[in-house]
Full PDB file with SEQRES, HELIX, SHEET, SSBOND, CRYST1, ORIGX, SCALE, CONECT and MASTER records, all heavy atoms in Angstrom:
SEQRES   1 A   43  GLY ASN GLY TYR LEU GLU SER GLY GLU PHE GLY GLU TYR          
SEQRES   2 A   43  TYR ASN SER ASN GLN GLY GLY CYS VAL TRP ASP LEU VAL          
SEQRES   3 A   43  THR GLU ASP SER GLN PHE ASN ASN ASN TRP PHE VAL GLY          
SEQRES   4 A   43  PRO SER GLY CYS                                              
HELIX    1 AA1 PHE A   32  ASN A   34  5                                   3    
SHEET    1 AA1 2 PHE A  10  ASN A  15  0                                        
SHEET    2 AA1 2 GLY A  19  LEU A  25 -1                                        
SSBOND   1 CYS A   21    CYS A   43                          1555   1555  1.57  
CRYST1    1.000    1.000    1.000  90.00  90.00  90.00 P 1           1          
ORIGX1      1.000000  0.000000  0.000000        0.00000                         
ORIGX2      0.000000  1.000000  0.000000        0.00000                         
ORIGX3      0.000000  0.000000  1.000000        0.00000                         
SCALE1      1.000000  0.000000  0.000000        0.00000                         
SCALE2      0.000000  1.000000  0.000000        0.00000                         
SCALE3      0.000000  0.000000  1.000000        0.00000                         
ATOM      1  N   GLY A   1       2.857   3.159  -5.255  1.00  0.00           N  
ATOM      2  CA  GLY A   1       1.520   3.019  -5.805  1.00  0.00           C  
ATOM      3  C   GLY A   1       1.292   1.845  -6.731  1.00  0.00           C  
ATOM      4  O   GLY A   1       0.269   1.762  -7.374  1.00  0.00           O  
ATOM      5  N   ASN A   2       2.250   0.909  -6.779  1.00  0.00           N  
ATOM      6  CA  ASN A   2       2.082  -0.223  -7.683  1.00  0.00           C  
ATOM      7  C   ASN A   2       1.617  -1.502  -6.978  1.00  0.00           C  
ATOM      8  O   ASN A   2       1.456  -2.531  -7.612  1.00  0.00           O  
ATOM      9  CB  ASN A   2       3.371  -0.487  -8.473  1.00  0.00           C  
ATOM     10  CG  ASN A   2       4.522  -0.944  -7.607  1.00  0.00           C  
ATOM     11  OD1 ASN A   2       4.416  -1.058  -6.395  1.00  0.00           O  
ATOM     12  ND2 ASN A   2       5.652  -1.190  -8.236  1.00  0.00           N  
ATOM     13  N   GLY A   3       1.414  -1.442  -5.670  1.00  0.00           N  
ATOM     14  CA  GLY A   3       0.919  -2.607  -4.948  1.00  0.00           C  
ATOM     15  C   GLY A   3       1.975  -3.594  -4.516  1.00  0.00           C  
ATOM     16  O   GLY A   3       1.651  -4.676  -4.027  1.00  0.00           O  
ATOM     17  N   TYR A   4       3.236  -3.242  -4.671  1.00  0.00           N  
ATOM     18  CA  TYR A   4       4.339  -4.097  -4.236  1.00  0.00           C  
ATOM     19  C   TYR A   4       5.272  -3.248  -3.398  1.00  0.00           C  
ATOM     20  O   TYR A   4       5.772  -2.225  -3.863  1.00  0.00           O  
ATOM     21  CB  TYR A   4       5.093  -4.686  -5.434  1.00  0.00           C  
ATOM     22  CG  TYR A   4       4.213  -5.574  -6.273  1.00  0.00           C  
ATOM     23  CD1 TYR A   4       3.559  -5.066  -7.390  1.00  0.00           C  
ATOM     24  CD2 TYR A   4       3.999  -6.901  -5.923  1.00  0.00           C  
ATOM     25  CE1 TYR A   4       2.721  -5.863  -8.149  1.00  0.00           C  
ATOM     26  CE2 TYR A   4       3.167  -7.707  -6.677  1.00  0.00           C  
ATOM     27  CZ  TYR A   4       2.531  -7.189  -7.796  1.00  0.00           C  
ATOM     28  OH  TYR A   4       1.703  -7.977  -8.541  1.00  0.00           O  
ATOM     29  N   LEU A   5       5.526  -3.654  -2.170  1.00  0.00           N  
ATOM     30  CA  LEU A   5       6.388  -2.870  -1.290  1.00  0.00           C  
ATOM     31  C   LEU A   5       7.840  -3.173  -1.615  1.00  0.00           C  
ATOM     32  O   LEU A   5       8.322  -4.277  -1.391  1.00  0.00           O  
ATOM     33  CB  LEU A   5       6.092  -3.171   0.180  1.00  0.00           C  
ATOM     34  CG  LEU A   5       6.844  -2.272   1.144  1.00  0.00           C  
ATOM     35  CD1 LEU A   5       6.384  -0.822   0.993  1.00  0.00           C  
ATOM     36  CD2 LEU A   5       6.650  -2.727   2.562  1.00  0.00           C  
ATOM     37  N   GLU A   6       8.522  -2.159  -2.136  1.00  0.00           N  
ATOM     38  CA  GLU A   6       9.901  -2.297  -2.555  1.00  0.00           C  
ATOM     39  C   GLU A   6      10.802  -1.499  -1.617  1.00  0.00           C  
ATOM     40  O   GLU A   6      10.325  -0.659  -0.856  1.00  0.00           O  
ATOM     41  CB  GLU A   6      10.030  -1.795  -3.989  1.00  0.00           C  
ATOM     42  CG  GLU A   6       9.215  -2.641  -4.948  1.00  0.00           C  
ATOM     43  CD  GLU A   6       8.683  -1.885  -6.149  1.00  0.00           C  
ATOM     44  OE1 GLU A   6       8.417  -0.674  -6.051  1.00  0.00           O  
ATOM     45  OE2 GLU A   6       8.519  -2.531  -7.182  1.00  0.00           O  
ATOM     46  N   SER A   7      12.080  -1.767  -1.696  1.00  0.00           N  
ATOM     47  CA  SER A   7      13.046  -1.007  -0.916  1.00  0.00           C  
ATOM     48  C   SER A   7      12.876   0.471  -1.221  1.00  0.00           C  
ATOM     49  O   SER A   7      12.715   0.861  -2.372  1.00  0.00           O  
ATOM     50  CB  SER A   7      14.459  -1.471  -1.286  1.00  0.00           C  
ATOM     51  OG  SER A   7      15.408  -0.711  -0.589  1.00  0.00           O  
ATOM     52  N   GLY A   8      12.873   1.301  -0.186  1.00  0.00           N  
ATOM     53  CA  GLY A   8      12.707   2.732  -0.370  1.00  0.00           C  
ATOM     54  C   GLY A   8      11.268   3.204  -0.289  1.00  0.00           C  
ATOM     55  O   GLY A   8      10.980   4.352  -0.607  1.00  0.00           O  
ATOM     56  N   GLU A   9      10.364   2.330   0.135  1.00  0.00           N  
ATOM     57  CA  GLU A   9       8.945   2.688   0.233  1.00  0.00           C  
ATOM     58  C   GLU A   9       8.420   2.467   1.644  1.00  0.00           C  
ATOM     59  O   GLU A   9       9.010   1.737   2.434  1.00  0.00           O  
ATOM     60  CB  GLU A   9       8.103   1.857  -0.744  1.00  0.00           C  
ATOM     61  CG  GLU A   9       8.440   2.115  -2.181  1.00  0.00           C  
ATOM     62  CD  GLU A   9       7.622   1.282  -3.149  1.00  0.00           C  
ATOM     63  OE1 GLU A   9       7.030   0.260  -2.748  1.00  0.00           O  
ATOM     64  OE2 GLU A   9       7.586   1.651  -4.316  1.00  0.00           O  
ATOM     65  N   PHE A  10       7.305   3.103   1.931  1.00  0.00           N  
ATOM     66  CA  PHE A  10       6.576   2.915   3.188  1.00  0.00           C  
ATOM     67  C   PHE A  10       5.252   2.260   2.827  1.00  0.00           C  
ATOM     68  O   PHE A  10       4.523   2.755   1.979  1.00  0.00           O  
ATOM     69  CB  PHE A  10       6.342   4.262   3.868  1.00  0.00           C  
ATOM     70  CG  PHE A  10       5.484   4.188   5.095  1.00  0.00           C  
ATOM     71  CD1 PHE A  10       5.960   3.590   6.250  1.00  0.00           C  
ATOM     72  CD2 PHE A  10       4.200   4.701   5.092  1.00  0.00           C  
ATOM     73  CE1 PHE A  10       5.168   3.518   7.387  1.00  0.00           C  
ATOM     74  CE2 PHE A  10       3.403   4.635   6.227  1.00  0.00           C  
ATOM     75  CZ  PHE A  10       3.888   4.034   7.376  1.00  0.00           C  
ATOM     76  N   GLY A  11       4.959   1.137   3.452  1.00  0.00           N  
ATOM     77  CA  GLY A  11       3.760   0.387   3.100  1.00  0.00           C  
ATOM     78  C   GLY A  11       2.710   0.363   4.192  1.00  0.00           C  
ATOM     79  O   GLY A  11       3.012   0.166   5.358  1.00  0.00           O  
ATOM     80  N   GLU A  12       1.481   0.579   3.771  1.00  0.00           N  
ATOM     81  CA  GLU A  12       0.292   0.446   4.618  1.00  0.00           C  
ATOM     82  C   GLU A  12      -0.451  -0.796   4.138  1.00  0.00           C  
ATOM     83  O   GLU A  12      -0.766  -0.903   2.953  1.00  0.00           O  
ATOM     84  CB  GLU A  12      -0.617   1.676   4.450  1.00  0.00           C  
ATOM     85  CG  GLU A  12       0.016   2.978   4.851  1.00  0.00           C  
ATOM     86  CD  GLU A  12      -0.085   3.233   6.336  1.00  0.00           C  
ATOM     87  OE1 GLU A  12      -0.620   2.392   7.070  1.00  0.00           O  
ATOM     88  OE2 GLU A  12       0.379   4.297   6.758  1.00  0.00           O  
ATOM     89  N   TYR A  13      -0.749  -1.721   5.058  1.00  0.00           N  
ATOM     90  CA  TYR A  13      -1.389  -2.981   4.687  1.00  0.00           C  
ATOM     91  C   TYR A  13      -2.836  -3.030   5.174  1.00  0.00           C  
ATOM     92  O   TYR A  13      -3.154  -2.546   6.261  1.00  0.00           O  
ATOM     93  CB  TYR A  13      -0.625  -4.166   5.279  1.00  0.00           C  
ATOM     94  CG  TYR A  13       0.685  -4.419   4.605  1.00  0.00           C  
ATOM     95  CD1 TYR A  13       1.832  -3.753   5.007  1.00  0.00           C  
ATOM     96  CD2 TYR A  13       0.779  -5.318   3.554  1.00  0.00           C  
ATOM     97  CE1 TYR A  13       3.042  -3.979   4.385  1.00  0.00           C  
ATOM     98  CE2 TYR A  13       1.988  -5.552   2.925  1.00  0.00           C  
ATOM     99  CZ  TYR A  13       3.114  -4.886   3.347  1.00  0.00           C  
ATOM    100  OH  TYR A  13       4.308  -5.106   2.735  1.00  0.00           O  
ATOM    101  N   TYR A  14      -3.654  -3.677   4.392  1.00  0.00           N  
ATOM    102  CA  TYR A  14      -5.070  -3.820   4.714  1.00  0.00           C  
ATOM    103  C   TYR A  14      -5.274  -4.715   5.946  1.00  0.00           C  
ATOM    104  O   TYR A  14      -6.120  -4.439   6.780  1.00  0.00           O  
ATOM    105  CB  TYR A  14      -5.822  -4.384   3.509  1.00  0.00           C  
ATOM    106  CG  TYR A  14      -7.296  -4.528   3.735  1.00  0.00           C  
ATOM    107  CD1 TYR A  14      -8.118  -3.408   3.788  1.00  0.00           C  
ATOM    108  CD2 TYR A  14      -7.876  -5.785   3.898  1.00  0.00           C  
ATOM    109  CE1 TYR A  14      -9.478  -3.532   3.993  1.00  0.00           C  
ATOM    110  CE2 TYR A  14      -9.234  -5.913   4.104  1.00  0.00           C  
ATOM    111  CZ  TYR A  14     -10.037  -4.791   4.157  1.00  0.00           C  
ATOM    112  OH  TYR A  14     -11.383  -4.912   4.375  1.00  0.00           O  
ATOM    113  N   ASN A  15      -4.501  -5.786   6.062  1.00  0.00           N  
ATOM    114  CA  ASN A  15      -4.639  -6.722   7.183  1.00  0.00           C  
ATOM    115  C   ASN A  15      -3.455  -6.632   8.142  1.00  0.00           C  
ATOM    116  O   ASN A  15      -2.409  -6.077   7.803  1.00  0.00           O  
ATOM    117  CB  ASN A  15      -4.761  -8.165   6.673  1.00  0.00           C  
ATOM    118  CG  ASN A  15      -6.111  -8.459   6.078  1.00  0.00           C  
ATOM    119  OD1 ASN A  15      -7.107  -7.835   6.424  1.00  0.00           O  
ATOM    120  ND2 ASN A  15      -6.157  -9.410   5.156  1.00  0.00           N  
ATOM    121  N   SER A  16      -3.609  -7.229   9.295  1.00  0.00           N  
ATOM    122  CA  SER A  16      -2.520  -7.332  10.269  1.00  0.00           C  
ATOM    123  C   SER A  16      -1.401  -8.203   9.712  1.00  0.00           C  
ATOM    124  O   SER A  16      -1.606  -8.968   8.766  1.00  0.00           O  
ATOM    125  CB  SER A  16      -3.041  -7.939  11.575  1.00  0.00           C  
ATOM    126  OG  SER A  16      -4.015  -7.091  12.136  1.00  0.00           O  
ATOM    127  N   ASN A  17      -0.230  -8.083  10.323  1.00  0.00           N  
ATOM    128  CA  ASN A  17       0.944  -8.890   9.971  1.00  0.00           C  
ATOM    129  C   ASN A  17       1.351  -8.734   8.513  1.00  0.00           C  
ATOM    130  O   ASN A  17       1.741  -9.702   7.865  1.00  0.00           O  
ATOM    131  CB  ASN A  17       0.712 -10.358  10.320  1.00  0.00           C  
ATOM    132  CG  ASN A  17       0.399 -10.536  11.774  1.00  0.00           C  
ATOM    133  OD1 ASN A  17       1.065  -9.982  12.637  1.00  0.00           O  
ATOM    134  ND2 ASN A  17      -0.653 -11.302  12.069  1.00  0.00           N  
ATOM    135  N   GLN A  18       1.230  -7.510   7.991  1.00  0.00           N  
ATOM    136  CA  GLN A  18       1.581  -7.187   6.617  1.00  0.00           C  
ATOM    137  C   GLN A  18       0.858  -8.103   5.626  1.00  0.00           C  
ATOM    138  O   GLN A  18       1.420  -8.592   4.654  1.00  0.00           O  
ATOM    139  CB  GLN A  18       3.098  -7.237   6.386  1.00  0.00           C  
ATOM    140  CG  GLN A  18       3.885  -6.208   7.165  1.00  0.00           C  
ATOM    141  CD  GLN A  18       3.980  -6.539   8.649  1.00  0.00           C  
ATOM    142  OE1 GLN A  18       4.305  -7.650   9.015  1.00  0.00           O  
ATOM    143  NE2 GLN A  18       3.687  -5.574   9.482  1.00  0.00           N  
ATOM    144  N   GLY A  19      -0.418  -8.325   5.894  1.00  0.00           N  
ATOM    145  CA  GLY A  19      -1.237  -9.174   5.036  1.00  0.00           C  
ATOM    146  C   GLY A  19      -2.201  -8.385   4.184  1.00  0.00           C  
ATOM    147  O   GLY A  19      -2.479  -7.219   4.426  1.00  0.00           O  
ATOM    148  N   GLY A  20      -2.721  -9.051   3.191  1.00  0.00           N  
ATOM    149  CA  GLY A  20      -3.657  -8.420   2.276  1.00  0.00           C  
ATOM    150  C   GLY A  20      -2.938  -7.481   1.326  1.00  0.00           C  
ATOM    151  O   GLY A  20      -1.719  -7.503   1.190  1.00  0.00           O  
ATOM    152  N   CYS A  21      -3.705  -6.642   0.675  1.00  0.00           N  
ATOM    153  CA  CYS A  21      -3.126  -5.686  -0.275  1.00  0.00           C  
ATOM    154  C   CYS A  21      -2.357  -4.603   0.467  1.00  0.00           C  
ATOM    155  O   CYS A  21      -2.597  -4.333   1.635  1.00  0.00           O  
ATOM    156  CB  CYS A  21      -4.228  -5.054  -1.108  1.00  0.00           C  
ATOM    157  SG  CYS A  21      -4.974  -6.169  -2.305  1.00  0.00           S  
ATOM    158  N   VAL A  22      -1.450  -3.979  -0.261  1.00  0.00           N  
ATOM    159  CA  VAL A  22      -0.613  -2.920   0.298  1.00  0.00           C  
ATOM    160  C   VAL A  22      -0.798  -1.647  -0.522  1.00  0.00           C  
ATOM    161  O   VAL A  22      -1.085  -1.699  -1.712  1.00  0.00           O  
ATOM    162  CB  VAL A  22       0.878  -3.339   0.323  1.00  0.00           C  
ATOM    163  CG1 VAL A  22       1.433  -3.526  -1.074  1.00  0.00           C  
ATOM    164  CG2 VAL A  22       1.718  -2.341   1.103  1.00  0.00           C  
ATOM    165  N   TRP A  23      -0.649  -0.539   0.145  1.00  0.00           N  
ATOM    166  CA  TRP A  23      -0.548   0.753  -0.526  1.00  0.00           C  
ATOM    167  C   TRP A  23       0.842   1.261  -0.198  1.00  0.00           C  
ATOM    168  O   TRP A  23       1.186   1.462   0.963  1.00  0.00           O  
ATOM    169  CB  TRP A  23      -1.641   1.697  -0.049  1.00  0.00           C  
ATOM    170  CG  TRP A  23      -1.594   3.010  -0.748  1.00  0.00           C  
ATOM    171  CD1 TRP A  23      -1.746   3.237  -2.082  1.00  0.00           C  
ATOM    172  CD2 TRP A  23      -1.371   4.272  -0.153  1.00  0.00           C  
ATOM    173  NE1 TRP A  23      -1.628   4.571  -2.344  1.00  0.00           N  
ATOM    174  CE2 TRP A  23      -1.398   5.234  -1.174  1.00  0.00           C  
ATOM    175  CE3 TRP A  23      -1.147   4.697   1.151  1.00  0.00           C  
ATOM    176  CZ2 TRP A  23      -1.217   6.587  -0.938  1.00  0.00           C  
ATOM    177  CZ3 TRP A  23      -0.973   6.036   1.383  1.00  0.00           C  
ATOM    178  CH2 TRP A  23      -1.012   6.967   0.345  1.00  0.00           C  
ATOM    179  N   ASP A  24       1.663   1.453  -1.210  1.00  0.00           N  
ATOM    180  CA  ASP A  24       3.071   1.794  -1.025  1.00  0.00           C  
ATOM    181  C   ASP A  24       3.334   3.252  -1.376  1.00  0.00           C  
ATOM    182  O   ASP A  24       3.042   3.696  -2.469  1.00  0.00           O  
ATOM    183  CB  ASP A  24       3.960   0.855  -1.837  1.00  0.00           C  
ATOM    184  CG  ASP A  24       3.480   0.656  -3.269  1.00  0.00           C  
ATOM    185  OD1 ASP A  24       2.268   0.609  -3.512  1.00  0.00           O  
ATOM    186  OD2 ASP A  24       4.340   0.548  -4.156  1.00  0.00           O  
ATOM    187  N   LEU A  25       3.871   3.973  -0.393  1.00  0.00           N  
ATOM    188  CA  LEU A  25       4.176   5.395  -0.554  1.00  0.00           C  
ATOM    189  C   LEU A  25       5.670   5.599  -0.725  1.00  0.00           C  
ATOM    190  O   LEU A  25       6.467   4.880  -0.132  1.00  0.00           O  
ATOM    191  CB  LEU A  25       3.777   6.173   0.703  1.00  0.00           C  
ATOM    192  CG  LEU A  25       2.337   6.297   1.111  1.00  0.00           C  
ATOM    193  CD1 LEU A  25       1.932   5.179   2.025  1.00  0.00           C  
ATOM    194  CD2 LEU A  25       2.153   7.612   1.804  1.00  0.00           C  
ATOM    195  N   VAL A  26       6.013   6.627  -1.476  1.00  0.00           N  
ATOM    196  CA  VAL A  26       7.393   7.066  -1.585  1.00  0.00           C  
ATOM    197  C   VAL A  26       7.508   8.453  -0.963  1.00  0.00           C  
ATOM    198  O   VAL A  26       8.496   8.784  -0.334  1.00  0.00           O  
ATOM    199  CB  VAL A  26       7.863   7.083  -3.054  1.00  0.00           C  
ATOM    200  CG1 VAL A  26       9.278   7.615  -3.176  1.00  0.00           C  
ATOM    201  CG2 VAL A  26       7.782   5.694  -3.646  1.00  0.00           C  
ATOM    202  N   THR A  27       6.478   9.262  -1.143  1.00  0.00           N  
ATOM    203  CA  THR A  27       6.447  10.610  -0.592  1.00  0.00           C  
ATOM    204  C   THR A  27       5.229  10.765   0.300  1.00  0.00           C  
ATOM    205  O   THR A  27       4.347   9.911   0.323  1.00  0.00           O  
ATOM    206  CB  THR A  27       6.388  11.674  -1.704  1.00  0.00           C  
ATOM    207  OG1 THR A  27       5.189  11.472  -2.459  1.00  0.00           O  
ATOM    208  CG2 THR A  27       7.587  11.575  -2.626  1.00  0.00           C  
ATOM    209  N   GLU A  28       5.159  11.865   1.003  1.00  0.00           N  
ATOM    210  CA  GLU A  28       4.059  12.111   1.930  1.00  0.00           C  
ATOM    211  C   GLU A  28       2.721  12.211   1.218  1.00  0.00           C  
ATOM    212  O   GLU A  28       2.658  12.465   0.016  1.00  0.00           O  
ATOM    213  CB  GLU A  28       4.329  13.385   2.725  1.00  0.00           C  
ATOM    214  CG  GLU A  28       4.421  14.627   1.870  1.00  0.00           C  
ATOM    215  CD  GLU A  28       4.931  15.815   2.663  1.00  0.00           C  
ATOM    216  OE1 GLU A  28       5.797  15.645   3.530  1.00  0.00           O  
ATOM    217  OE2 GLU A  28       4.444  16.920   2.404  1.00  0.00           O  
ATOM    218  N   ASP A  29       1.663  11.986   1.995  1.00  0.00           N  
ATOM    219  CA  ASP A  29       0.304  12.109   1.475  1.00  0.00           C  
ATOM    220  C   ASP A  29      -0.580  12.650   2.589  1.00  0.00           C  
ATOM    221  O   ASP A  29      -0.702  12.038   3.647  1.00  0.00           O  
ATOM    222  CB  ASP A  29      -0.211  10.766   0.993  1.00  0.00           C  
ATOM    223  CG  ASP A  29      -1.469  10.900   0.153  1.00  0.00           C  
ATOM    224  OD1 ASP A  29      -2.340  11.722   0.506  1.00  0.00           O  
ATOM    225  OD2 ASP A  29      -1.587  10.178  -0.841  1.00  0.00           O  
ATOM    226  N   SER A  30      -1.190  13.779   2.350  1.00  0.00           N  
ATOM    227  CA  SER A  30      -1.991  14.441   3.385  1.00  0.00           C  
ATOM    228  C   SER A  30      -3.412  13.918   3.472  1.00  0.00           C  
ATOM    229  O   SER A  30      -4.125  14.231   4.428  1.00  0.00           O  
ATOM    230  CB  SER A  30      -2.022  15.950   3.150  1.00  0.00           C  
ATOM    231  OG  SER A  30      -2.679  16.241   1.934  1.00  0.00           O  
ATOM    232  N   GLN A  31      -3.840  13.110   2.493  1.00  0.00           N  
ATOM    233  CA  GLN A  31      -5.213  12.596   2.515  1.00  0.00           C  
ATOM    234  C   GLN A  31      -5.264  11.216   1.890  1.00  0.00           C  
ATOM    235  O   GLN A  31      -5.128  11.078   0.677  1.00  0.00           O  
ATOM    236  CB  GLN A  31      -6.143  13.548   1.761  1.00  0.00           C  
ATOM    237  CG  GLN A  31      -6.223  14.902   2.416  1.00  0.00           C  
ATOM    238  CD  GLN A  31      -7.333  15.747   1.819  1.00  0.00           C  
ATOM    239  OE1 GLN A  31      -8.252  15.266   1.176  1.00  0.00           O  
ATOM    240  NE2 GLN A  31      -7.261  17.042   2.058  1.00  0.00           N  
ATOM    241  N   PHE A  32      -5.480  10.215   2.717  1.00  0.00           N  
ATOM    242  CA  PHE A  32      -5.558   8.844   2.220  1.00  0.00           C  
ATOM    243  C   PHE A  32      -6.903   8.533   1.570  1.00  0.00           C  
ATOM    244  O   PHE A  32      -7.070   7.478   0.986  1.00  0.00           O  
ATOM    245  CB  PHE A  32      -5.328   7.851   3.357  1.00  0.00           C  
ATOM    246  CG  PHE A  32      -3.887   7.737   3.812  1.00  0.00           C  
ATOM    247  CD1 PHE A  32      -2.878   8.495   3.268  1.00  0.00           C  
ATOM    248  CD2 PHE A  32      -3.559   6.838   4.802  1.00  0.00           C  
ATOM    249  CE1 PHE A  32      -1.565   8.387   3.693  1.00  0.00           C  
ATOM    250  CE2 PHE A  32      -2.253   6.701   5.246  1.00  0.00           C  
ATOM    251  CZ  PHE A  32      -1.261   7.476   4.691  1.00  0.00           C  
ATOM    252  N   ASN A  33      -7.876   9.426   1.676  1.00  0.00           N  
ATOM    253  CA  ASN A  33      -9.219   9.117   1.171  1.00  0.00           C  
ATOM    254  C   ASN A  33      -9.284   9.068  -0.361  1.00  0.00           C  
ATOM    255  O   ASN A  33     -10.287   8.641  -0.910  1.00  0.00           O  
ATOM    256  CB  ASN A  33     -10.252  10.111   1.709  1.00  0.00           C  
ATOM    257  CG  ASN A  33      -9.999  11.537   1.242  1.00  0.00           C  
ATOM    258  OD1 ASN A  33      -8.961  11.836   0.688  1.00  0.00           O  
ATOM    259  ND2 ASN A  33     -10.951  12.408   1.498  1.00  0.00           N  
ATOM    260  N   ASN A  34      -8.232   9.459  -1.044  1.00  0.00           N  
ATOM    261  CA  ASN A  34      -8.221   9.372  -2.500  1.00  0.00           C  
ATOM    262  C   ASN A  34      -7.224   8.319  -2.998  1.00  0.00           C  
ATOM    263  O   ASN A  34      -6.737   8.396  -4.116  1.00  0.00           O  
ATOM    264  CB  ASN A  34      -7.927  10.742  -3.120  1.00  0.00           C  
ATOM    265  CG  ASN A  34      -6.593  11.315  -2.667  1.00  0.00           C  
ATOM    266  OD1 ASN A  34      -5.900  10.716  -1.844  1.00  0.00           O  
ATOM    267  ND2 ASN A  34      -6.228  12.473  -3.179  1.00  0.00           N  
ATOM    268  N   ASN A  35      -6.929   7.344  -2.141  1.00  0.00           N  
ATOM    269  CA  ASN A  35      -6.022   6.245  -2.477  1.00  0.00           C  
ATOM    270  C   ASN A  35      -6.688   4.916  -2.153  1.00  0.00           C  
ATOM    271  O   ASN A  35      -7.446   4.815  -1.188  1.00  0.00           O  
ATOM    272  CB  ASN A  35      -4.722   6.362  -1.674  1.00  0.00           C  
ATOM    273  CG  ASN A  35      -4.013   7.672  -1.949  1.00  0.00           C  
ATOM    274  OD1 ASN A  35      -3.573   7.922  -3.051  1.00  0.00           O  
ATOM    275  ND2 ASN A  35      -3.934   8.520  -0.952  1.00  0.00           N  
ATOM    276  N   TRP A  36      -6.354   3.892  -2.960  1.00  0.00           N  
ATOM    277  CA  TRP A  36      -6.940   2.579  -2.769  1.00  0.00           C  
ATOM    278  C   TRP A  36      -5.844   1.531  -2.711  1.00  0.00           C  
ATOM    279  O   TRP A  36      -4.810   1.664  -3.356  1.00  0.00           O  
ATOM    280  CB  TRP A  36      -7.893   2.261  -3.920  1.00  0.00           C  
ATOM    281  CG  TRP A  36      -9.074   3.163  -3.918  1.00  0.00           C  
ATOM    282  CD1 TRP A  36     -10.287   2.906  -3.349  1.00  0.00           C  
ATOM    283  CD2 TRP A  36      -9.163   4.483  -4.438  1.00  0.00           C  
ATOM    284  NE1 TRP A  36     -11.119   3.987  -3.490  1.00  0.00           N  
ATOM    285  CE2 TRP A  36     -10.455   4.983  -4.159  1.00  0.00           C  
ATOM    286  CE3 TRP A  36      -8.283   5.329  -5.108  1.00  0.00           C  
ATOM    287  CZ2 TRP A  36     -10.878   6.242  -4.529  1.00  0.00           C  
ATOM    288  CZ3 TRP A  36      -8.698   6.589  -5.483  1.00  0.00           C  
ATOM    289  CH2 TRP A  36      -9.989   7.027  -5.189  1.00  0.00           C  
ATOM    290  N   PHE A  37      -6.097   0.474  -1.925  1.00  0.00           N  
ATOM    291  CA  PHE A  37      -5.156  -0.634  -1.864  1.00  0.00           C  
ATOM    292  C   PHE A  37      -5.090  -1.299  -3.230  1.00  0.00           C  
ATOM    293  O   PHE A  37      -6.114  -1.515  -3.878  1.00  0.00           O  
ATOM    294  CB  PHE A  37      -5.591  -1.662  -0.815  1.00  0.00           C  
ATOM    295  CG  PHE A  37      -5.420  -1.184   0.593  1.00  0.00           C  
ATOM    296  CD1 PHE A  37      -6.511  -0.742   1.321  1.00  0.00           C  
ATOM    297  CD2 PHE A  37      -4.173  -1.165   1.185  1.00  0.00           C  
ATOM    298  CE1 PHE A  37      -6.359  -0.297   2.622  1.00  0.00           C  
ATOM    299  CE2 PHE A  37      -4.007  -0.719   2.484  1.00  0.00           C  
ATOM    300  CZ  PHE A  37      -5.102  -0.290   3.202  1.00  0.00           C  
ATOM    301  N   VAL A  38      -3.878  -1.614  -3.654  1.00  0.00           N  
ATOM    302  CA  VAL A  38      -3.664  -2.300  -4.917  1.00  0.00           C  
ATOM    303  C   VAL A  38      -2.799  -3.521  -4.666  1.00  0.00           C  
ATOM    304  O   VAL A  38      -2.173  -3.655  -3.621  1.00  0.00           O  
ATOM    305  CB  VAL A  38      -2.994  -1.375  -5.964  1.00  0.00           C  
ATOM    306  CG1 VAL A  38      -3.915  -0.254  -6.366  1.00  0.00           C  
ATOM    307  CG2 VAL A  38      -1.683  -0.806  -5.446  1.00  0.00           C  
ATOM    308  N   GLY A  39      -2.789  -4.401  -5.599  1.00  0.00           N  
ATOM    309  CA  GLY A  39      -1.986  -5.604  -5.483  1.00  0.00           C  
ATOM    310  C   GLY A  39      -2.522  -6.666  -6.411  1.00  0.00           C  
ATOM    311  O   GLY A  39      -3.405  -6.406  -7.235  1.00  0.00           O  
ATOM    312  N   PRO A  40      -2.013  -7.870  -6.261  1.00  0.00           N  
ATOM    313  CA  PRO A  40      -2.444  -8.953  -7.144  1.00  0.00           C  
ATOM    314  C   PRO A  40      -3.944  -9.221  -7.001  1.00  0.00           C  
ATOM    315  O   PRO A  40      -4.532  -9.008  -5.938  1.00  0.00           O  
ATOM    316  CB  PRO A  40      -1.643 -10.165  -6.664  1.00  0.00           C  
ATOM    317  CG  PRO A  40      -0.666  -9.665  -5.675  1.00  0.00           C  
ATOM    318  CD  PRO A  40      -1.046  -8.292  -5.278  1.00  0.00           C  
ATOM    319  N   SER A  41      -4.530  -9.678  -8.054  1.00  0.00           N  
ATOM    320  CA  SER A  41      -5.951 -10.013  -8.040  1.00  0.00           C  
ATOM    321  C   SER A  41      -6.245 -10.981  -6.896  1.00  0.00           C  
ATOM    322  O   SER A  41      -5.516 -11.934  -6.681  1.00  0.00           O  
ATOM    323  CB  SER A  41      -6.334 -10.662  -9.373  1.00  0.00           C  
ATOM    324  OG  SER A  41      -7.697 -10.986  -9.377  1.00  0.00           O  
ATOM    325  N   GLY A  42      -7.264 -10.689  -6.140  1.00  0.00           N  
ATOM    326  CA  GLY A  42      -7.669 -11.565  -5.048  1.00  0.00           C  
ATOM    327  C   GLY A  42      -7.079 -11.223  -3.693  1.00  0.00           C  
ATOM    328  O   GLY A  42      -7.444 -11.844  -2.692  1.00  0.00           O  
ATOM    329  N   CYS A  43      -6.164 -10.251  -3.608  1.00  0.00           N  
ATOM    330  CA  CYS A  43      -5.615  -9.919  -2.288  1.00  0.00           C  
ATOM    331  C   CYS A  43      -6.683  -9.177  -1.476  1.00  0.00           C  
ATOM    332  O   CYS A  43      -7.449  -8.381  -2.019  1.00  0.00           O  
ATOM    333  CB  CYS A  43      -4.324  -9.123  -2.391  1.00  0.00           C  
ATOM    334  SG  CYS A  43      -4.449  -7.460  -3.036  1.00  0.00           S  
TER     335      CYS A  43                                                      
CONECT  157  334                                                                
CONECT  334  157                                                                
MASTER        0    0    0    1    2    0    0    6  334    1    2    4          
END                                                                             
């Protein structure tokens, strides 16, 4: 959830080819509607 995909995480990216902001999970999530992409300003 910090916007940086680190070892041991599963990342969902806003754009193709792992581009744009990322949402990084460590554990399961049954509803993505309460999560937002995070990352550096401007991604």
